[in-house]
Amino acid sequence: MPDLALAMKRNPKMKVMLMSGYFDLGTTYFGSINEIKHLPTPRDLQSNISYHFFQTGHMVYVNEEALKSCTTTAQRSSVTTQVRTKSSA
């Protein structure tokens, strides 16, 4: 994921949200965390990354409760980002 690391270095205000299912066999729980934790970025940029995990596999839309939770999390993140962007302008 060197492209993500480069983008974060070039734009230190960039936020990254990792969303994954605990039972995902395509993008495994520990594999996802390991990849993000080992990005070649300065340590302070790790605080720009948020982690959200759901009781589902790779296809979050199969589990209706997980889908609702995933959607709510994404919406909250979007609203928070918009508020921060407007207030920092």
N, C-alpha and C. Protein backbone atom coordinates (compact mmCIF):
# COMPACT_ATOMS: atom_id res chain seq x y z
N MET A 1 0.80 -1.18 0.00
CA MET A 1 0.00 0.00 0.00
C MET A 1 0.86 1.26 0.00
N PRO A 2 1.91 1.24 -0.80
CA PRO A 2 2.76 2.44 -0.85
C PRO A 2 2.04 3.67 -1.40
N ASP A 3 1.05 3.48 -2.26
CA ASP A 3 0.31 4.64 -2.79
C ASP A 3 -0.46 5.36 -1.69
N LEU A 4 -1.06 4.60 -0.78
CA LEU A 4 -1.79 5.20 0.33
C LEU A 4 -0.82 5.95 1.24
N ALA A 5 0.31 5.36 1.53
CA ALA A 5 1.31 6.00 2.38
C ALA A 5 1.79 7.31 1.74
N LEU A 6 2.04 7.29 0.45
CA LEU A 6 2.48 8.50 -0.25
C LEU A 6 1.41 9.58 -0.21
N ALA A 7 0.16 9.19 -0.43
CA ALA A 7 -0.95 10.16 -0.39
C ALA A 7 -1.08 10.78 1.00
N MET A 8 -0.91 9.97 2.03
CA MET A 8 -1.01 10.49 3.40
C MET A 8 0.15 11.44 3.71
N LYS A 9 1.33 11.13 3.20
CA LYS A 9 2.48 12.01 3.42
C LYS A 9 2.30 13.34 2.70
N ARG A 10 1.76 13.28 1.49
CA ARG A 10 1.55 14.50 0.71
C ARG A 10 0.41 15.34 1.26
N ASN A 11 -0.56 14.69 1.88
CA ASN A 11 -1.71 15.40 2.45
C ASN A 11 -1.90 14.93 3.89
N PRO A 12 -1.16 15.50 4.83
CA PRO A 12 -1.21 15.03 6.22
C PRO A 12 -2.56 15.22 6.91
N LYS A 13 -3.48 15.95 6.29
CA LYS A 13 -4.82 16.12 6.86
C LYS A 13 -5.79 15.04 6.37
N MET A 14 -5.33 14.22 5.42
CA MET A 14 -6.18 13.17 4.86
C MET A 14 -6.55 12.15 5.94
N LYS A 15 -7.82 11.77 5.97
CA LYS A 15 -8.32 10.77 6.90
C LYS A 15 -8.57 9.47 6.15
N VAL A 16 -8.27 8.36 6.79
CA VAL A 16 -8.47 7.03 6.21
C VAL A 16 -9.37 6.24 7.16
N MET A 17 -10.39 5.61 6.62
CA MET A 17 -11.28 4.80 7.43
C MET A 17 -11.21 3.36 6.93
N LEU A 18 -10.79 2.46 7.81
CA LEU A 18 -10.74 1.04 7.50
C LEU A 18 -12.00 0.40 8.05
N MET A 19 -12.80 -0.19 7.17
CA MET A 19 -14.02 -0.88 7.58
C MET A 19 -13.90 -2.32 7.10
N SER A 20 -14.16 -3.26 7.99
CA SER A 20 -13.96 -4.66 7.64
C SER A 20 -14.87 -5.54 8.47
N GLY A 21 -15.11 -6.73 7.98
CA GLY A 21 -15.88 -7.72 8.72
C GLY A 21 -14.94 -8.63 9.50
N TYR A 22 -15.36 -9.02 10.70
CA TYR A 22 -14.54 -9.92 11.51
C TYR A 22 -14.32 -11.27 10.81
N PHE A 23 -15.28 -11.67 9.99
CA PHE A 23 -15.24 -13.01 9.38
C PHE A 23 -14.89 -12.95 7.90
N ASP A 24 -14.27 -11.88 7.48
CA ASP A 24 -13.90 -11.66 6.07
C ASP A 24 -12.71 -12.54 5.72
N LEU A 25 -12.88 -13.43 4.77
CA LEU A 25 -11.78 -14.30 4.35
C LEU A 25 -11.01 -13.71 3.18
N GLY A 26 -11.57 -12.68 2.53
CA GLY A 26 -10.89 -12.02 1.41
C GLY A 26 -9.90 -10.97 1.88
N THR A 27 -10.31 -10.19 2.85
CA THR A 27 -9.46 -9.16 3.46
C THR A 27 -9.53 -9.43 4.96
N THR A 28 -8.67 -10.26 5.43
CA THR A 28 -8.78 -10.76 6.80
C THR A 28 -8.60 -9.67 7.85
N TYR A 29 -9.23 -9.88 8.99
CA TYR A 29 -9.21 -8.93 10.11
C TYR A 29 -7.77 -8.53 10.48
N PHE A 30 -6.94 -9.51 10.82
CA PHE A 30 -5.58 -9.20 11.23
C PHE A 30 -4.71 -8.74 10.06
N GLY A 31 -5.00 -9.24 8.87
CA GLY A 31 -4.25 -8.79 7.69
C GLY A 31 -4.46 -7.31 7.41
N SER A 32 -5.70 -6.86 7.55
CA SER A 32 -6.03 -5.45 7.34
C SER A 32 -5.30 -4.57 8.34
N ILE A 33 -5.39 -4.94 9.60
CA ILE A 33 -4.73 -4.16 10.65
C ILE A 33 -3.22 -4.14 10.43
N ASN A 34 -2.66 -5.29 10.13
CA ASN A 34 -1.22 -5.39 9.93
C ASN A 34 -0.75 -4.49 8.79
N GLU A 35 -1.47 -4.50 7.68
CA GLU A 35 -1.10 -3.66 6.54
C GLU A 35 -1.10 -2.18 6.90
N ILE A 36 -2.15 -1.74 7.56
CA ILE A 36 -2.28 -0.33 7.91
C ILE A 36 -1.24 0.08 8.96
N LYS A 37 -1.03 -0.77 9.96
CA LYS A 37 -0.08 -0.45 11.03
C LYS A 37 1.37 -0.39 10.52
N HIS A 38 1.63 -1.03 9.40
CA HIS A 38 2.99 -1.06 8.85
C HIS A 38 3.16 -0.16 7.62
N LEU A 39 2.26 0.80 7.45
CA LEU A 39 2.43 1.75 6.35
C LEU A 39 3.72 2.54 6.58
N PRO A 40 4.48 2.77 5.53
CA PRO A 40 5.71 3.57 5.68
C PRO A 40 5.38 5.06 5.77
N THR A 41 4.80 5.45 6.90
CA THR A 41 4.43 6.85 7.14
C THR A 41 4.95 7.26 8.51
N PRO A 42 5.07 8.57 8.74
CA PRO A 42 5.44 9.02 10.08
C PRO A 42 4.40 8.56 11.10
N ARG A 43 4.85 8.28 12.29
CA ARG A 43 3.98 7.75 13.35
C ARG A 43 2.77 8.64 13.63
N ASP A 44 2.93 9.94 13.55
CA ASP A 44 1.82 10.84 13.87
C ASP A 44 0.66 10.73 12.87
N LEU A 45 0.92 10.22 11.67
CA LEU A 45 -0.16 10.06 10.70
C LEU A 45 -1.07 8.88 11.02
N GLN A 46 -0.62 7.98 11.89
CA GLN A 46 -1.47 6.85 12.30
C GLN A 46 -2.76 7.33 12.97
N SER A 47 -2.70 8.51 13.58
CA SER A 47 -3.91 9.03 14.24
C SER A 47 -4.97 9.48 13.23
N ASN A 48 -4.61 9.55 11.95
CA ASN A 48 -5.56 9.90 10.90
C ASN A 48 -6.34 8.68 10.40
N ILE A 49 -6.04 7.53 10.96
CA ILE A 49 -6.67 6.29 10.51
C ILE A 49 -7.66 5.81 11.57
N SER A 50 -8.89 5.55 11.16
CA SER A 50 -9.88 5.00 12.09
C SER A 50 -10.23 3.57 11.65
N TYR A 51 -10.53 2.75 12.62
CA TYR A 51 -10.81 1.33 12.39
C TYR A 51 -12.23 1.02 12.83
N HIS A 52 -12.97 0.32 11.98
CA HIS A 52 -14.35 -0.06 12.30
C HIS A 52 -14.57 -1.49 11.80
N PHE A 53 -14.99 -2.36 12.71
CA PHE A 53 -15.19 -3.77 12.36
C PHE A 53 -16.63 -4.17 12.67
N PHE A 54 -17.14 -5.09 11.85
CA PHE A 54 -18.54 -5.47 11.92
C PHE A 54 -18.69 -6.99 11.97
N GLN A 55 -19.81 -7.45 12.54
CA GLN A 55 -20.11 -8.87 12.66
C GLN A 55 -20.59 -9.42 11.33
N THR A 56 -19.67 -9.49 10.38
CA THR A 56 -20.02 -9.94 9.04
C THR A 56 -18.77 -10.46 8.34
N GLY A 57 -18.97 -10.96 7.15
CA GLY A 57 -17.85 -11.37 6.32
C GLY A 57 -17.53 -10.27 5.32
N HIS A 58 -17.06 -10.65 4.15
CA HIS A 58 -16.65 -9.68 3.14
C HIS A 58 -17.85 -8.91 2.56
N MET A 59 -18.97 -9.58 2.43
CA MET A 59 -20.15 -8.96 1.83
C MET A 59 -21.07 -8.45 2.93
N VAL A 60 -20.78 -7.24 3.40
CA VAL A 60 -21.49 -6.67 4.54
C VAL A 60 -22.99 -6.57 4.30
N TYR A 61 -23.40 -6.43 3.07
CA TYR A 61 -24.81 -6.26 2.74
C TYR A 61 -25.64 -7.52 2.96
N VAL A 62 -25.01 -8.65 3.19
CA VAL A 62 -25.74 -9.90 3.42
C VAL A 62 -26.35 -9.91 4.83
N ASN A 63 -25.68 -9.28 5.77
CA ASN A 63 -26.15 -9.19 7.14
C ASN A 63 -26.77 -7.81 7.34
N GLU A 64 -28.09 -7.77 7.44
CA GLU A 64 -28.80 -6.48 7.47
C GLU A 64 -28.38 -5.60 8.66
N GLU A 65 -28.18 -6.21 9.81
CA GLU A 65 -27.77 -5.43 10.99
C GLU A 65 -26.37 -4.84 10.79
N ALA A 66 -25.45 -5.64 10.24
CA ALA A 66 -24.10 -5.15 9.98
C ALA A 66 -24.12 -4.05 8.92
N LEU A 67 -24.96 -4.20 7.92
CA LEU A 67 -25.08 -3.19 6.88
C LEU A 67 -25.55 -1.86 7.47
N LYS A 68 -26.54 -1.90 8.33
CA LYS A 68 -27.03 -0.67 8.97
C LYS A 68 -25.91 -0.02 9.79
N SER A 69 -25.19 -0.83 10.54
CA SER A 69 -24.11 -0.32 11.36
C SER A 69 -22.99 0.28 10.50
N CYS A 70 -22.67 -0.40 9.42
CA CYS A 70 -21.64 0.08 8.48
C CYS A 70 -22.07 1.40 7.85
N THR A 71 -23.31 1.47 7.43
CA THR A 71 -23.84 2.69 6.80
C THR A 71 -23.82 3.86 7.79
N THR A 72 -24.27 3.61 9.00
CA THR A 72 -24.28 4.66 10.03
C THR A 72 -22.86 5.16 10.30
N THR A 73 -21.92 4.25 10.40
CA THR A 73 -20.52 4.61 10.65
C THR A 73 -19.99 5.48 9.52
N ALA A 74 -20.25 5.09 8.28
CA ALA A 74 -19.78 5.87 7.13
C ALA A 74 -20.43 7.25 7.10
N GLN A 75 -21.72 7.31 7.39
CA GLN A 75 -22.42 8.60 7.39
C GLN A 75 -21.88 9.52 8.49
N ARG A 76 -21.66 8.99 9.67
CA ARG A 76 -21.11 9.79 10.77
C ARG A 76 -19.72 10.31 10.41
N SER A 77 -18.92 9.47 9.80
CA SER A 77 -17.57 9.88 9.41
C SER A 77 -17.63 10.99 8.37
N SER A 78 -18.54 10.86 7.43
CA SER A 78 -18.69 11.86 6.38
C SER A 78 -19.12 13.20 6.96
N VAL A 79 -20.07 13.19 7.87
CA VAL A 79 -20.55 14.43 8.50
C VAL A 79 -19.44 15.07 9.31
N THR A 80 -18.71 14.27 10.09
CA THR A 80 -17.61 14.79 10.90
C THR A 80 -16.54 15.41 10.02
N THR A 81 -16.21 14.76 8.92
CA THR A 81 -15.20 15.27 8.01
C THR A 81 -15.66 16.59 7.39
N GLN A 82 -16.93 16.67 7.00
CA GLN A 82 -17.46 17.90 6.41
C GLN A 82 -17.41 19.05 7.41
N VAL A 83 -17.77 18.78 8.65
CA VAL A 83 -17.76 19.81 9.69
C VAL A 83 -16.34 20.30 9.92
N ARG A 84 -15.39 19.38 10.02
CA ARG A 84 -13.99 19.76 10.22
C ARG A 84 -13.47 20.59 9.07
N THR A 85 -13.82 20.17 7.85
CA THR A 85 -13.35 20.88 6.66
C THR A 85 -13.90 22.30 6.64
N LYS A 86 -15.18 22.48 6.93
CA LYS A 86 -15.79 23.81 6.92
C LYS A 86 -15.21 24.69 8.03
N SER A 87 -15.00 24.12 9.20
CA SER A 87 -14.51 24.92 10.33
C SER A 87 -13.03 25.26 10.19
N SER A 88 -12.29 24.46 9.44
CA SER A 88 -10.87 24.74 9.26
C SER A 88 -10.60 25.63 8.07
N ALA A 89 -11.64 25.96 7.28
CA ALA A 89 -11.46 26.79 6.10
C ALA A 89 -11.31 28.26 6.45
